[in-house]
Amino acid sequence: MRSRMCRVWSIVGFLTLLSITAPNGFADPIAFNHTFLTYTGNTFDIFNFFDPSLPVKYDTSMYVSATFDVGMFLGPDFSGRVLPWAYSVSDGINTIASDTPGSIILELTMSATGEVVLWGFGTPNVPGTAHAVIGSSKQTNLSLDNAVMYDSAQNFRQTTGRRNAPGTWSVTYSTTPEPDSLELIVVGLVMLGLCIRYRGLRRHSSY
């Protein structure tokens, strides 16, 4: 009975490992499960200053830049909204990162070759604190990069932007093992290990 169980363990363990490691196996151990996107805007050319006490003002050397880590594969022809796992957005003075209260929504339309062609994103508004809101959008006939600095009462301190001069995107992917695949590898190895151990004990007891 135990010998038959050992054979079952061996078969199940072997098939489990085969499904992970075979070139065209039942499960693909490698998956594109992160998409990294980087946006670089053009320099600002619109300025409004409301607070004379500003220590630093927006100028023509500054622009919107952003990086996003999306925990999913965004392939060619993707169109929709995603919630990034991590992000960092800057206007040249302020940098808004993932630890900022609130969330950022990234809306993208990608071409058949995987390039970002339309987009929209904006950092969270955080009432009650002095903060900046930074964003960028491009629709069919209009694009806008902008940044707004507020005081704690939500009054404008300064604003800046750039119209109809859309920036550029770069898209890269990471390849990491899927957790499900790792779990299957562990199950397969445990089953084979149990069978090997059982056979070793049985051989030792026969002496």
N, C-alpha and C. Protein backbone atom coordinates (compact mmCIF):
# COMPACT_ATOMS: atom_id res chain seq x y z
N MET A 1 0.83 -1.20 0.00
CA MET A 1 0.00 0.00 0.00
C MET A 1 0.88 1.26 0.00
N ARG A 2 1.91 1.27 0.89
CA ARG A 2 2.80 2.42 0.95
C ARG A 2 3.62 2.56 -0.32
N SER A 3 4.01 1.42 -0.89
CA SER A 3 4.76 1.47 -2.13
C SER A 3 3.92 2.09 -3.24
N ARG A 4 2.64 1.74 -3.26
CA ARG A 4 1.75 2.32 -4.28
C ARG A 4 1.60 3.83 -4.03
N MET A 5 1.49 4.23 -2.76
CA MET A 5 1.37 5.65 -2.44
C MET A 5 2.62 6.40 -2.86
N CYS A 6 3.78 5.76 -2.66
CA CYS A 6 5.04 6.38 -3.07
C CYS A 6 5.08 6.60 -4.57
N ARG A 7 4.59 5.63 -5.32
CA ARG A 7 4.56 5.79 -6.78
C ARG A 7 3.65 6.95 -7.16
N VAL A 8 2.52 7.06 -6.47
CA VAL A 8 1.60 8.17 -6.74
C VAL A 8 2.28 9.51 -6.46
N TRP A 9 2.99 9.59 -5.31
CA TRP A 9 3.71 10.82 -4.98
C TRP A 9 4.73 11.15 -6.07
N SER A 10 5.44 10.13 -6.55
CA SER A 10 6.47 10.35 -7.57
C SER A 10 5.85 10.89 -8.85
N ILE A 11 4.74 10.27 -9.26
CA ILE A 11 4.09 10.68 -10.51
C ILE A 11 3.57 12.10 -10.40
N VAL A 12 2.87 12.40 -9.29
CA VAL A 12 2.31 13.74 -9.12
C VAL A 12 3.42 14.78 -9.04
N GLY A 13 4.48 14.46 -8.28
CA GLY A 13 5.60 15.39 -8.18
C GLY A 13 6.28 15.64 -9.51
N PHE A 14 6.50 14.55 -10.28
CA PHE A 14 7.14 14.69 -11.58
C PHE A 14 6.29 15.52 -12.53
N LEU A 15 4.98 15.25 -12.58
CA LEU A 15 4.09 16.00 -13.47
C LEU A 15 4.01 17.47 -13.06
N THR A 16 4.03 17.73 -11.75
CA THR A 16 3.98 19.11 -11.28
C THR A 16 5.20 19.89 -11.73
N LEU A 17 6.39 19.28 -11.55
CA LEU A 17 7.62 19.94 -11.99
C LEU A 17 7.67 20.07 -13.51
N LEU A 18 7.18 19.06 -14.22
CA LEU A 18 7.16 19.11 -15.67
C LEU A 18 6.30 20.27 -16.16
N SER A 19 5.16 20.47 -15.49
CA SER A 19 4.26 21.55 -15.92
C SER A 19 4.89 22.92 -15.74
N ILE A 20 5.87 23.01 -14.81
CA ILE A 20 6.52 24.28 -14.58
C ILE A 20 7.69 24.49 -15.53
N THR A 21 8.48 23.43 -15.75
CA THR A 21 9.76 23.60 -16.45
C THR A 21 9.70 23.33 -17.94
N ALA A 22 8.68 22.64 -18.42
CA ALA A 22 8.62 22.32 -19.85
C ALA A 22 8.53 23.59 -20.67
N PRO A 23 9.22 23.68 -21.82
CA PRO A 23 9.18 24.88 -22.65
C PRO A 23 7.77 25.29 -23.01
N ASN A 24 6.91 24.31 -23.28
CA ASN A 24 5.52 24.60 -23.59
C ASN A 24 4.63 23.89 -22.59
N GLY A 25 5.01 23.96 -21.33
CA GLY A 25 4.32 23.22 -20.28
C GLY A 25 2.95 23.79 -19.98
N PHE A 26 2.36 23.24 -18.88
CA PHE A 26 1.00 23.61 -18.54
C PHE A 26 0.94 24.98 -17.88
N ALA A 27 2.02 25.44 -17.30
CA ALA A 27 2.06 26.75 -16.66
C ALA A 27 3.36 27.43 -17.05
N ASP A 28 3.29 28.71 -17.31
CA ASP A 28 4.47 29.47 -17.70
C ASP A 28 5.11 30.04 -16.44
N PRO A 29 6.35 29.63 -16.11
CA PRO A 29 6.96 30.11 -14.87
C PRO A 29 7.41 31.56 -14.93
N ILE A 30 7.48 32.14 -16.12
CA ILE A 30 7.90 33.52 -16.25
C ILE A 30 6.74 34.34 -16.78
N ALA A 31 6.49 35.48 -16.18
CA ALA A 31 5.37 36.31 -16.61
C ALA A 31 5.77 37.78 -16.57
N PHE A 32 5.24 38.56 -17.52
CA PHE A 32 5.42 40.00 -17.47
C PHE A 32 4.42 40.54 -16.46
N ASN A 33 4.81 40.64 -15.19
CA ASN A 33 3.84 41.09 -14.20
C ASN A 33 4.12 42.49 -13.67
N HIS A 34 5.06 43.21 -14.29
CA HIS A 34 5.26 44.63 -13.98
C HIS A 34 5.51 45.38 -15.28
N THR A 35 4.85 46.51 -15.41
CA THR A 35 5.13 47.42 -16.51
C THR A 35 5.64 48.72 -15.91
N PHE A 36 6.80 49.17 -16.36
CA PHE A 36 7.38 50.41 -15.86
C PHE A 36 7.25 51.48 -16.94
N LEU A 37 6.65 52.61 -16.57
CA LEU A 37 6.43 53.70 -17.52
C LEU A 37 7.11 54.96 -17.00
N THR A 38 7.79 55.66 -17.90
CA THR A 38 8.46 56.91 -17.55
C THR A 38 7.99 58.00 -18.51
N TYR A 39 7.54 59.12 -17.92
CA TYR A 39 7.09 60.25 -18.73
C TYR A 39 8.03 61.43 -18.53
N THR A 40 8.40 62.09 -19.62
CA THR A 40 9.22 63.29 -19.58
C THR A 40 8.54 64.37 -20.40
N GLY A 41 8.10 65.43 -19.72
CA GLY A 41 7.40 66.51 -20.41
C GLY A 41 8.34 67.55 -20.98
N ASN A 42 7.76 68.49 -21.67
CA ASN A 42 8.52 69.63 -22.19
C ASN A 42 8.50 70.76 -21.16
N THR A 43 9.45 71.66 -21.25
CA THR A 43 9.59 72.71 -20.25
C THR A 43 8.37 73.65 -20.25
N PHE A 44 8.08 74.18 -19.06
CA PHE A 44 6.91 75.04 -18.88
C PHE A 44 7.08 76.38 -19.59
N ASP A 45 5.94 76.93 -20.04
CA ASP A 45 5.98 78.27 -20.64
C ASP A 45 4.79 79.14 -20.21
N ILE A 46 4.00 78.65 -19.24
CA ILE A 46 2.88 79.42 -18.69
C ILE A 46 3.11 79.55 -17.18
N PHE A 47 3.03 80.78 -16.65
CA PHE A 47 3.31 80.99 -15.23
C PHE A 47 2.33 81.99 -14.63
N ASN A 48 1.87 81.68 -13.41
CA ASN A 48 1.05 82.60 -12.63
C ASN A 48 1.52 82.54 -11.19
N PHE A 49 1.85 83.72 -10.63
CA PHE A 49 2.37 83.78 -9.27
C PHE A 49 1.41 84.59 -8.41
N PHE A 50 0.96 83.99 -7.30
CA PHE A 50 -0.04 84.62 -6.44
C PHE A 50 0.51 84.95 -5.06
N ASP A 51 1.58 84.30 -4.66
CA ASP A 51 2.13 84.47 -3.31
C ASP A 51 3.51 85.12 -3.41
N PRO A 52 3.62 86.39 -3.00
CA PRO A 52 4.91 87.07 -3.12
C PRO A 52 6.01 86.51 -2.20
N SER A 53 5.60 85.69 -1.24
CA SER A 53 6.60 85.14 -0.31
C SER A 53 7.18 83.81 -0.77
N LEU A 54 6.87 83.41 -2.00
CA LEU A 54 7.37 82.13 -2.49
C LEU A 54 8.90 82.07 -2.47
N PRO A 55 9.48 81.06 -1.82
CA PRO A 55 10.94 80.96 -1.80
C PRO A 55 11.52 80.50 -3.13
N VAL A 56 10.77 79.68 -3.86
CA VAL A 56 11.21 79.17 -5.16
C VAL A 56 10.04 79.28 -6.13
N LYS A 57 10.32 79.77 -7.33
CA LYS A 57 9.28 79.92 -8.33
C LYS A 57 9.53 79.00 -9.52
N TYR A 58 8.44 78.59 -10.15
CA TYR A 58 8.56 77.82 -11.39
C TYR A 58 9.27 78.66 -12.44
N ASP A 59 10.04 78.00 -13.32
CA ASP A 59 10.70 78.73 -14.39
C ASP A 59 10.78 77.85 -15.64
N THR A 60 11.40 78.38 -16.68
CA THR A 60 11.41 77.71 -17.99
C THR A 60 12.36 76.52 -18.07
N SER A 61 13.05 76.21 -16.99
CA SER A 61 13.91 75.01 -16.99
C SER A 61 13.17 73.79 -16.42
N MET A 62 11.97 74.01 -15.91
CA MET A 62 11.24 72.95 -15.21
C MET A 62 10.19 72.31 -16.10
N TYR A 63 9.81 71.08 -15.75
CA TYR A 63 8.85 70.32 -16.55
C TYR A 63 8.28 69.19 -15.68
N VAL A 64 7.20 68.56 -16.17
CA VAL A 64 6.61 67.42 -15.48
C VAL A 64 7.38 66.16 -15.86
N SER A 65 7.74 65.38 -14.85
CA SER A 65 8.34 64.06 -15.08
C SER A 65 7.67 63.07 -14.14
N ALA A 66 7.61 61.82 -14.57
CA ALA A 66 6.91 60.83 -13.75
C ALA A 66 7.40 59.43 -14.07
N THR A 67 7.38 58.58 -13.05
CA THR A 67 7.65 57.15 -13.23
C THR A 67 6.54 56.38 -12.54
N PHE A 68 6.12 55.29 -13.17
CA PHE A 68 5.04 54.45 -12.64
C PHE A 68 5.45 52.99 -12.71
N ASP A 69 5.16 52.26 -11.64
CA ASP A 69 5.31 50.80 -11.63
C ASP A 69 3.90 50.22 -11.57
N VAL A 70 3.50 49.61 -12.67
CA VAL A 70 2.15 49.03 -12.75
C VAL A 70 2.28 47.52 -12.56
N GLY A 71 1.61 46.98 -11.58
CA GLY A 71 1.74 45.56 -11.27
C GLY A 71 0.93 44.66 -12.19
N MET A 72 1.03 44.90 -13.47
CA MET A 72 0.36 44.06 -14.46
C MET A 72 1.01 44.31 -15.81
N PHE A 73 0.74 43.44 -16.75
CA PHE A 73 1.28 43.60 -18.10
C PHE A 73 0.34 44.46 -18.93
N LEU A 74 0.85 45.58 -19.42
CA LEU A 74 0.08 46.45 -20.31
C LEU A 74 0.61 46.25 -21.72
N GLY A 75 -0.05 45.45 -22.48
CA GLY A 75 0.42 45.10 -23.80
C GLY A 75 -0.06 46.06 -24.88
N PRO A 76 0.29 45.77 -26.12
CA PRO A 76 -0.18 46.58 -27.25
C PRO A 76 -1.70 46.67 -27.26
N ASP A 77 -2.20 47.84 -27.68
CA ASP A 77 -3.63 48.11 -27.79
C ASP A 77 -4.34 48.19 -26.44
N PHE A 78 -3.58 48.26 -25.33
CA PHE A 78 -4.23 48.44 -24.03
C PHE A 78 -4.91 49.81 -23.98
N SER A 79 -6.09 49.84 -23.38
CA SER A 79 -6.80 51.10 -23.16
C SER A 79 -7.61 50.98 -21.88
N GLY A 80 -7.35 51.86 -20.93
CA GLY A 80 -8.09 51.80 -19.68
C GLY A 80 -7.37 52.51 -18.56
N ARG A 81 -7.91 52.32 -17.35
CA ARG A 81 -7.35 52.94 -16.16
C ARG A 81 -6.66 51.90 -15.30
N VAL A 82 -5.55 52.29 -14.69
CA VAL A 82 -4.82 51.41 -13.79
C VAL A 82 -4.45 52.18 -12.54
N LEU A 83 -4.30 51.45 -11.43
CA LEU A 83 -3.85 52.03 -10.17
C LEU A 83 -2.41 51.58 -9.95
N PRO A 84 -1.43 52.46 -10.13
CA PRO A 84 -0.03 52.05 -10.01
C PRO A 84 0.32 51.53 -8.62
N TRP A 85 1.21 50.54 -8.57
CA TRP A 85 1.73 50.04 -7.31
C TRP A 85 2.64 51.08 -6.67
N ALA A 86 3.40 51.76 -7.48
CA ALA A 86 4.33 52.77 -6.98
C ALA A 86 4.48 53.85 -8.05
N TYR A 87 4.75 55.08 -7.60
CA TYR A 87 4.92 56.16 -8.56
C TYR A 87 5.74 57.29 -7.94
N SER A 88 6.27 58.14 -8.80
CA SER A 88 6.94 59.37 -8.39
C SER A 88 6.70 60.40 -9.49
N VAL A 89 6.16 61.56 -9.10
CA VAL A 89 5.84 62.61 -10.07
C VAL A 89 6.48 63.91 -9.59
N SER A 90 7.12 64.64 -10.50
CA SER A 90 7.83 65.86 -10.13
C SER A 90 7.48 66.99 -11.09
N ASP A 91 7.56 68.23 -10.55
CA ASP A 91 7.38 69.43 -11.39
C ASP A 91 8.63 70.30 -11.42
N GLY A 92 9.73 69.79 -10.88
CA GLY A 92 10.96 70.57 -10.81
C GLY A 92 11.19 71.19 -9.45
N ILE A 93 10.11 71.35 -8.67
CA ILE A 93 10.21 71.84 -7.30
C ILE A 93 9.74 70.77 -6.32
N ASN A 94 8.57 70.23 -6.60
CA ASN A 94 7.93 69.25 -5.72
C ASN A 94 8.02 67.85 -6.32
N THR A 95 8.18 66.87 -5.46
CA THR A 95 8.12 65.47 -5.87
C THR A 95 7.05 64.77 -5.05
N ILE A 96 6.07 64.21 -5.74
CA ILE A 96 4.96 63.50 -5.09
C ILE A 96 5.18 62.01 -5.33
N ALA A 97 5.23 61.25 -4.24
CA ALA A 97 5.54 59.82 -4.35
C ALA A 97 4.40 58.98 -3.78
N SER A 98 4.61 57.67 -3.81
CA SER A 98 3.56 56.71 -3.45
C SER A 98 3.09 56.85 -2.02
N ASP A 99 3.92 57.40 -1.12
CA ASP A 99 3.52 57.52 0.28
C ASP A 99 2.64 58.73 0.55
N THR A 100 2.31 59.51 -0.49
CA THR A 100 1.39 60.63 -0.34
C THR A 100 -0.02 60.11 -0.08
N PRO A 101 -0.75 60.71 0.88
CA PRO A 101 -2.14 60.28 1.10
C PRO A 101 -2.96 60.39 -0.18
N GLY A 102 -3.89 59.48 -0.34
CA GLY A 102 -4.70 59.45 -1.55
C GLY A 102 -4.09 58.52 -2.59
N SER A 103 -4.70 58.47 -3.73
CA SER A 103 -4.23 57.57 -4.79
C SER A 103 -4.18 58.32 -6.12
N ILE A 104 -3.41 57.77 -7.02
CA ILE A 104 -3.29 58.36 -8.35
C ILE A 104 -3.84 57.37 -9.37
N ILE A 105 -4.63 57.86 -10.29
CA ILE A 105 -5.18 57.03 -11.36
C ILE A 105 -4.44 57.37 -12.65
N LEU A 106 -3.99 56.34 -13.32
CA LEU A 106 -3.29 56.50 -14.59
C LEU A 106 -4.18 55.96 -15.70
N GLU A 107 -4.50 56.80 -16.65
CA GLU A 107 -5.34 56.39 -17.78
C GLU A 107 -4.48 56.39 -19.04
N LEU A 108 -4.49 55.26 -19.75
CA LEU A 108 -3.60 55.09 -20.89
C LEU A 108 -4.32 54.50 -22.09
N THR A 109 -3.86 54.90 -23.27
CA THR A 109 -4.22 54.22 -24.51
C THR A 109 -2.90 53.93 -25.23
N MET A 110 -2.70 52.64 -25.56
CA MET A 110 -1.45 52.23 -26.20
C MET A 110 -1.70 51.79 -27.63
N SER A 111 -0.71 51.98 -28.45
CA SER A 111 -0.82 51.63 -29.87
C SER A 111 -0.60 50.13 -30.08
N ALA A 112 -0.72 49.71 -31.33
CA ALA A 112 -0.50 48.30 -31.67
C ALA A 112 0.95 47.88 -31.45
N THR A 113 1.85 48.85 -31.37
CA THR A 113 3.26 48.54 -31.14
C THR A 113 3.67 48.76 -29.68
N GLY A 114 2.70 49.05 -28.79
CA GLY A 114 2.98 49.19 -27.38
C GLY A 114 3.42 50.57 -26.94
N GLU A 115 3.25 51.59 -27.78
CA GLU A 115 3.62 52.95 -27.41
C GLU A 115 2.42 53.66 -26.77
N VAL A 116 2.68 54.52 -25.79
CA VAL A 116 1.62 55.31 -25.17
C VAL A 116 1.27 56.46 -26.10
N VAL A 117 0.00 56.54 -26.50
CA VAL A 117 -0.41 57.58 -27.45
C VAL A 117 -1.37 58.59 -26.83
N LEU A 118 -2.18 58.17 -25.88
CA LEU A 118 -3.09 59.06 -25.15
C LEU A 118 -2.95 58.74 -23.67
N TRP A 119 -3.10 59.76 -22.81
CA TRP A 119 -2.91 59.49 -21.39
C TRP A 119 -3.54 60.58 -20.53
N GLY A 120 -3.60 60.29 -19.24
CA GLY A 120 -4.02 61.26 -18.25
C GLY A 120 -3.62 60.79 -16.86
N PHE A 121 -3.03 61.67 -16.07
CA PHE A 121 -2.74 61.37 -14.67
C PHE A 121 -2.63 62.66 -13.87
N GLY A 122 -2.89 62.59 -12.59
CA GLY A 122 -2.77 63.74 -11.70
C GLY A 122 -2.56 63.27 -10.28
N THR A 123 -1.69 63.95 -9.55
CA THR A 123 -1.41 63.56 -8.18
C THR A 123 -2.58 63.96 -7.27
N PRO A 124 -2.68 63.33 -6.10
CA PRO A 124 -3.82 63.60 -5.21
C PRO A 124 -3.83 65.02 -4.66
N ASN A 125 -5.03 65.55 -4.49
CA ASN A 125 -5.21 66.82 -3.78
C ASN A 125 -5.32 66.50 -2.29
N VAL A 126 -4.55 67.20 -1.46
CA VAL A 126 -4.50 66.91 -0.02
C VAL A 126 -4.91 68.17 0.75
N PRO A 127 -6.21 68.41 0.93
CA PRO A 127 -6.68 69.61 1.64
C PRO A 127 -6.14 69.66 3.07
N GLY A 128 -5.95 70.87 3.55
CA GLY A 128 -5.48 71.04 4.92
C GLY A 128 -3.98 71.13 5.07
N THR A 129 -3.26 70.94 3.96
CA THR A 129 -1.80 71.04 4.00
C THR A 129 -1.33 71.84 2.79
N ALA A 130 -0.18 72.46 2.91
CA ALA A 130 0.45 73.09 1.76
C ALA A 130 0.99 71.97 0.86
N HIS A 131 0.59 71.98 -0.39
CA HIS A 131 0.95 70.86 -1.26
C HIS A 131 0.89 71.30 -2.72
N ALA A 132 1.31 70.40 -3.59
CA ALA A 132 1.25 70.63 -5.04
C ALA A 132 0.45 69.52 -5.70
N VAL A 133 -0.24 69.87 -6.76
CA VAL A 133 -0.93 68.90 -7.60
C VAL A 133 -0.29 68.98 -8.99
N ILE A 134 0.19 67.85 -9.47
CA ILE A 134 0.93 67.80 -10.73
C ILE A 134 0.24 66.81 -11.66
N GLY A 135 0.08 67.17 -12.92
CA GLY A 135 -0.59 66.26 -13.84
C GLY A 135 -0.19 66.45 -15.28
N SER A 136 -0.64 65.53 -16.09
CA SER A 136 -0.42 65.60 -17.54
C SER A 136 -1.55 64.86 -18.24
N SER A 137 -1.96 65.36 -19.37
CA SER A 137 -2.98 64.67 -20.16
C SER A 137 -2.76 64.96 -21.64
N LYS A 138 -3.13 63.98 -22.44
CA LYS A 138 -3.12 64.16 -23.88
C LYS A 138 -4.31 63.43 -24.46
N GLN A 139 -5.16 64.21 -25.11
CA GLN A 139 -6.28 63.65 -25.84
C GLN A 139 -6.01 63.85 -27.32
N THR A 140 -6.98 63.57 -28.15
CA THR A 140 -6.73 63.57 -29.59
C THR A 140 -6.20 64.90 -30.11
N ASN A 141 -6.82 66.01 -29.67
CA ASN A 141 -6.44 67.31 -30.22
C ASN A 141 -5.93 68.29 -29.17
N LEU A 142 -5.61 67.80 -27.98
CA LEU A 142 -5.20 68.70 -26.92
C LEU A 142 -4.27 67.99 -25.95
N SER A 143 -3.26 68.70 -25.49
CA SER A 143 -2.40 68.16 -24.44
C SER A 143 -2.10 69.27 -23.44
N LEU A 144 -1.87 68.87 -22.19
CA LEU A 144 -1.58 69.85 -21.14
C LEU A 144 -0.77 69.19 -20.04
N ASP A 145 0.38 69.78 -19.73
CA ASP A 145 1.12 69.48 -18.51
C ASP A 145 0.91 70.65 -17.57
N ASN A 146 0.66 70.38 -16.30
CA ASN A 146 0.44 71.50 -15.39
C ASN A 146 0.81 71.13 -13.96
N ALA A 147 1.08 72.17 -13.17
CA ALA A 147 1.38 72.01 -11.75
C ALA A 147 0.80 73.20 -11.01
N VAL A 148 0.23 72.92 -9.84
CA VAL A 148 -0.40 73.96 -9.02
C VAL A 148 0.08 73.79 -7.58
N MET A 149 0.55 74.85 -6.98
CA MET A 149 0.93 74.82 -5.58
C MET A 149 -0.12 75.55 -4.76
N TYR A 150 -0.60 74.88 -3.68
CA TYR A 150 -1.63 75.42 -2.80
C TYR A 150 -1.05 75.67 -1.41
N ASP A 151 -1.68 76.62 -0.69
CA ASP A 151 -1.40 76.71 0.72
C ASP A 151 -2.38 75.82 1.48
N SER A 152 -2.30 75.81 2.81
CA SER A 152 -3.13 74.89 3.59
C SER A 152 -4.62 75.22 3.51
N ALA A 153 -4.96 76.43 3.07
CA ALA A 153 -6.37 76.82 2.92
C ALA A 153 -6.87 76.63 1.50
N GLN A 154 -6.10 75.94 0.69
CA GLN A 154 -6.44 75.67 -0.71
C GLN A 154 -6.41 76.92 -1.60
N ASN A 155 -5.68 77.92 -1.18
CA ASN A 155 -5.48 79.09 -2.04
C ASN A 155 -4.29 78.84 -2.96
N PHE A 156 -4.38 79.37 -4.19
CA PHE A 156 -3.27 79.23 -5.13
C PHE A 156 -2.05 79.99 -4.62
N ARG A 157 -0.88 79.35 -4.73
CA ARG A 157 0.38 80.04 -4.48
C ARG A 157 1.07 80.36 -5.81
N GLN A 158 1.10 79.33 -6.70
CA GLN A 158 1.60 79.55 -8.06
C GLN A 158 1.14 78.40 -8.95
N THR A 159 1.05 78.68 -10.23
CA THR A 159 0.67 77.65 -11.21
C THR A 159 1.61 77.75 -12.40
N THR A 160 1.72 76.64 -13.10
CA THR A 160 2.54 76.61 -14.32
C THR A 160 2.01 75.54 -15.25
N GLY A 161 2.44 75.55 -16.50
CA GLY A 161 1.96 74.54 -17.43
C GLY A 161 2.61 74.64 -18.79
N ARG A 162 2.18 73.73 -19.64
CA ARG A 162 2.62 73.71 -21.05
C ARG A 162 1.51 73.08 -21.86
N ARG A 163 0.99 73.83 -22.85
CA ARG A 163 -0.11 73.35 -23.68
C ARG A 163 0.39 72.88 -25.04
N ASN A 164 -0.26 71.82 -25.51
CA ASN A 164 -0.07 71.33 -26.88
C ASN A 164 1.40 71.11 -27.26
N ALA A 165 2.14 70.61 -26.29
CA ALA A 165 3.52 70.18 -26.54
C ALA A 165 3.75 68.92 -25.71
N PRO A 166 3.10 67.83 -26.09
CA PRO A 166 3.13 66.62 -25.27
C PRO A 166 4.54 66.06 -25.12
N GLY A 167 4.80 65.49 -23.95
CA GLY A 167 6.09 64.87 -23.70
C GLY A 167 6.17 63.47 -24.28
N THR A 168 7.16 62.73 -23.82
CA THR A 168 7.41 61.39 -24.36
C THR A 168 7.37 60.34 -23.25
N TRP A 169 7.07 59.11 -23.64
CA TRP A 169 7.00 57.98 -22.72
C TRP A 169 8.02 56.92 -23.11
N SER A 170 8.52 56.22 -22.11
CA SER A 170 9.26 54.98 -22.34
C SER A 170 8.57 53.88 -21.54
N VAL A 171 8.54 52.69 -22.12
CA VAL A 171 7.84 51.55 -21.50
C VAL A 171 8.80 50.37 -21.43
N THR A 172 8.97 49.81 -20.25
CA THR A 172 9.79 48.62 -20.07
C THR A 172 9.03 47.61 -19.23
N TYR A 173 9.47 46.35 -19.30
CA TYR A 173 8.79 45.27 -18.59
C TYR A 173 9.79 44.48 -17.75
N SER A 174 9.29 43.89 -16.68
CA SER A 174 10.12 42.99 -15.87
C SER A 174 9.58 41.57 -16.00
N THR A 175 10.46 40.59 -15.89
CA THR A 175 10.06 39.19 -15.93
C THR A 175 10.45 38.54 -14.61
N THR A 176 9.47 38.18 -13.81
CA THR A 176 9.70 37.53 -12.53
C THR A 176 8.78 36.33 -12.40
N PRO A 177 9.19 35.28 -11.66
CA PRO A 177 8.33 34.10 -11.51
C PRO A 177 7.02 34.46 -10.85
N GLU A 178 5.95 33.87 -11.33
CA GLU A 178 4.66 34.04 -10.69
C GLU A 178 4.64 33.28 -9.37
N PRO A 179 3.99 33.84 -8.32
CA PRO A 179 3.90 33.12 -7.05
C PRO A 179 3.29 31.74 -7.20
N ASP A 180 2.27 31.58 -8.05
CA ASP A 180 1.64 30.27 -8.24
C ASP A 180 2.65 29.25 -8.73
N SER A 181 3.54 29.67 -9.63
CA SER A 181 4.54 28.75 -10.16
C SER A 181 5.52 28.33 -9.08
N LEU A 182 5.92 29.26 -8.23
CA LEU A 182 6.83 28.93 -7.14
C LEU A 182 6.19 27.93 -6.18
N GLU A 183 4.90 28.12 -5.91
CA GLU A 183 4.20 27.20 -5.01
C GLU A 183 4.15 25.80 -5.62
N LEU A 184 3.92 25.72 -6.92
CA LEU A 184 3.88 24.41 -7.58
C LEU A 184 5.24 23.72 -7.52
N ILE A 185 6.31 24.50 -7.67
CA ILE A 185 7.65 23.92 -7.58
C ILE A 185 7.87 23.32 -6.20
N VAL A 186 7.45 24.03 -5.15
CA VAL A 186 7.60 23.53 -3.79
C VAL A 186 6.80 22.24 -3.59
N VAL A 187 5.56 22.22 -4.08
CA VAL A 187 4.72 21.01 -3.94
C VAL A 187 5.38 19.82 -4.63
N GLY A 188 5.88 20.04 -5.85
CA GLY A 188 6.51 18.94 -6.58
C GLY A 188 7.73 18.41 -5.87
N LEU A 189 8.58 19.31 -5.36
CA LEU A 189 9.78 18.88 -4.66
C LEU A 189 9.45 18.16 -3.35
N VAL A 190 8.44 18.63 -2.64
CA VAL A 190 8.04 17.96 -1.38
C VAL A 190 7.57 16.55 -1.66
N MET A 191 6.76 16.36 -2.70
CA MET A 191 6.25 15.02 -3.01
C MET A 191 7.38 14.08 -3.40
N LEU A 192 8.31 14.55 -4.22
CA LEU A 192 9.44 13.71 -4.59
C LEU A 192 10.31 13.42 -3.37
N GLY A 193 10.47 14.42 -2.50
CA GLY A 193 11.26 14.23 -1.30
C GLY A 193 10.66 13.20 -0.36
N LEU A 194 9.33 13.21 -0.21
CA LEU A 194 8.66 12.22 0.64
C LEU A 194 8.89 10.81 0.12
N CYS A 195 8.79 10.68 -1.20
CA CYS A 195 8.97 9.35 -1.79
C CYS A 195 10.40 8.85 -1.60
N ILE A 196 11.39 9.74 -1.83
CA ILE A 196 12.79 9.36 -1.66
C ILE A 196 13.07 8.96 -0.21
N ARG A 197 12.51 9.74 0.71
CA ARG A 197 12.72 9.44 2.13
C ARG A 197 12.08 8.10 2.50
N TYR A 198 10.88 7.85 1.99
CA TYR A 198 10.20 6.59 2.30
C TYR A 198 11.00 5.41 1.77
N ARG A 199 11.50 5.53 0.55
CA ARG A 199 12.29 4.44 -0.02
C ARG A 199 13.59 4.21 0.76
N GLY A 200 14.19 5.31 1.23
CA GLY A 200 15.41 5.17 2.02
C GLY A 200 15.15 4.46 3.33
N LEU A 201 14.04 4.83 4.00
CA LEU A 201 13.70 4.17 5.26
C LEU A 201 13.38 2.70 5.03
N ARG A 202 12.69 2.41 3.94
CA ARG A 202 12.31 1.03 3.65
C ARG A 202 13.55 0.18 3.38
N ARG A 203 14.52 0.78 2.61
CA ARG A 203 15.75 0.05 2.31
C ARG A 203 16.57 -0.20 3.58
N HIS A 204 16.58 0.81 4.48
CA HIS A 204 17.34 0.67 5.72
C HIS A 204 16.73 -0.40 6.62
N SER A 205 15.40 -0.49 6.66
CA SER A 205 14.73 -1.45 7.53
C SER A 205 14.89 -2.89 7.03
N SER A 206 15.28 -3.06 5.77
CA SER A 206 15.40 -4.40 5.20
C SER A 206 16.72 -5.06 5.60
N TYR A 207 17.68 -4.25 6.13
CA TYR A 207 18.96 -4.84 6.53
C TYR A 207 18.85 -5.55 7.87
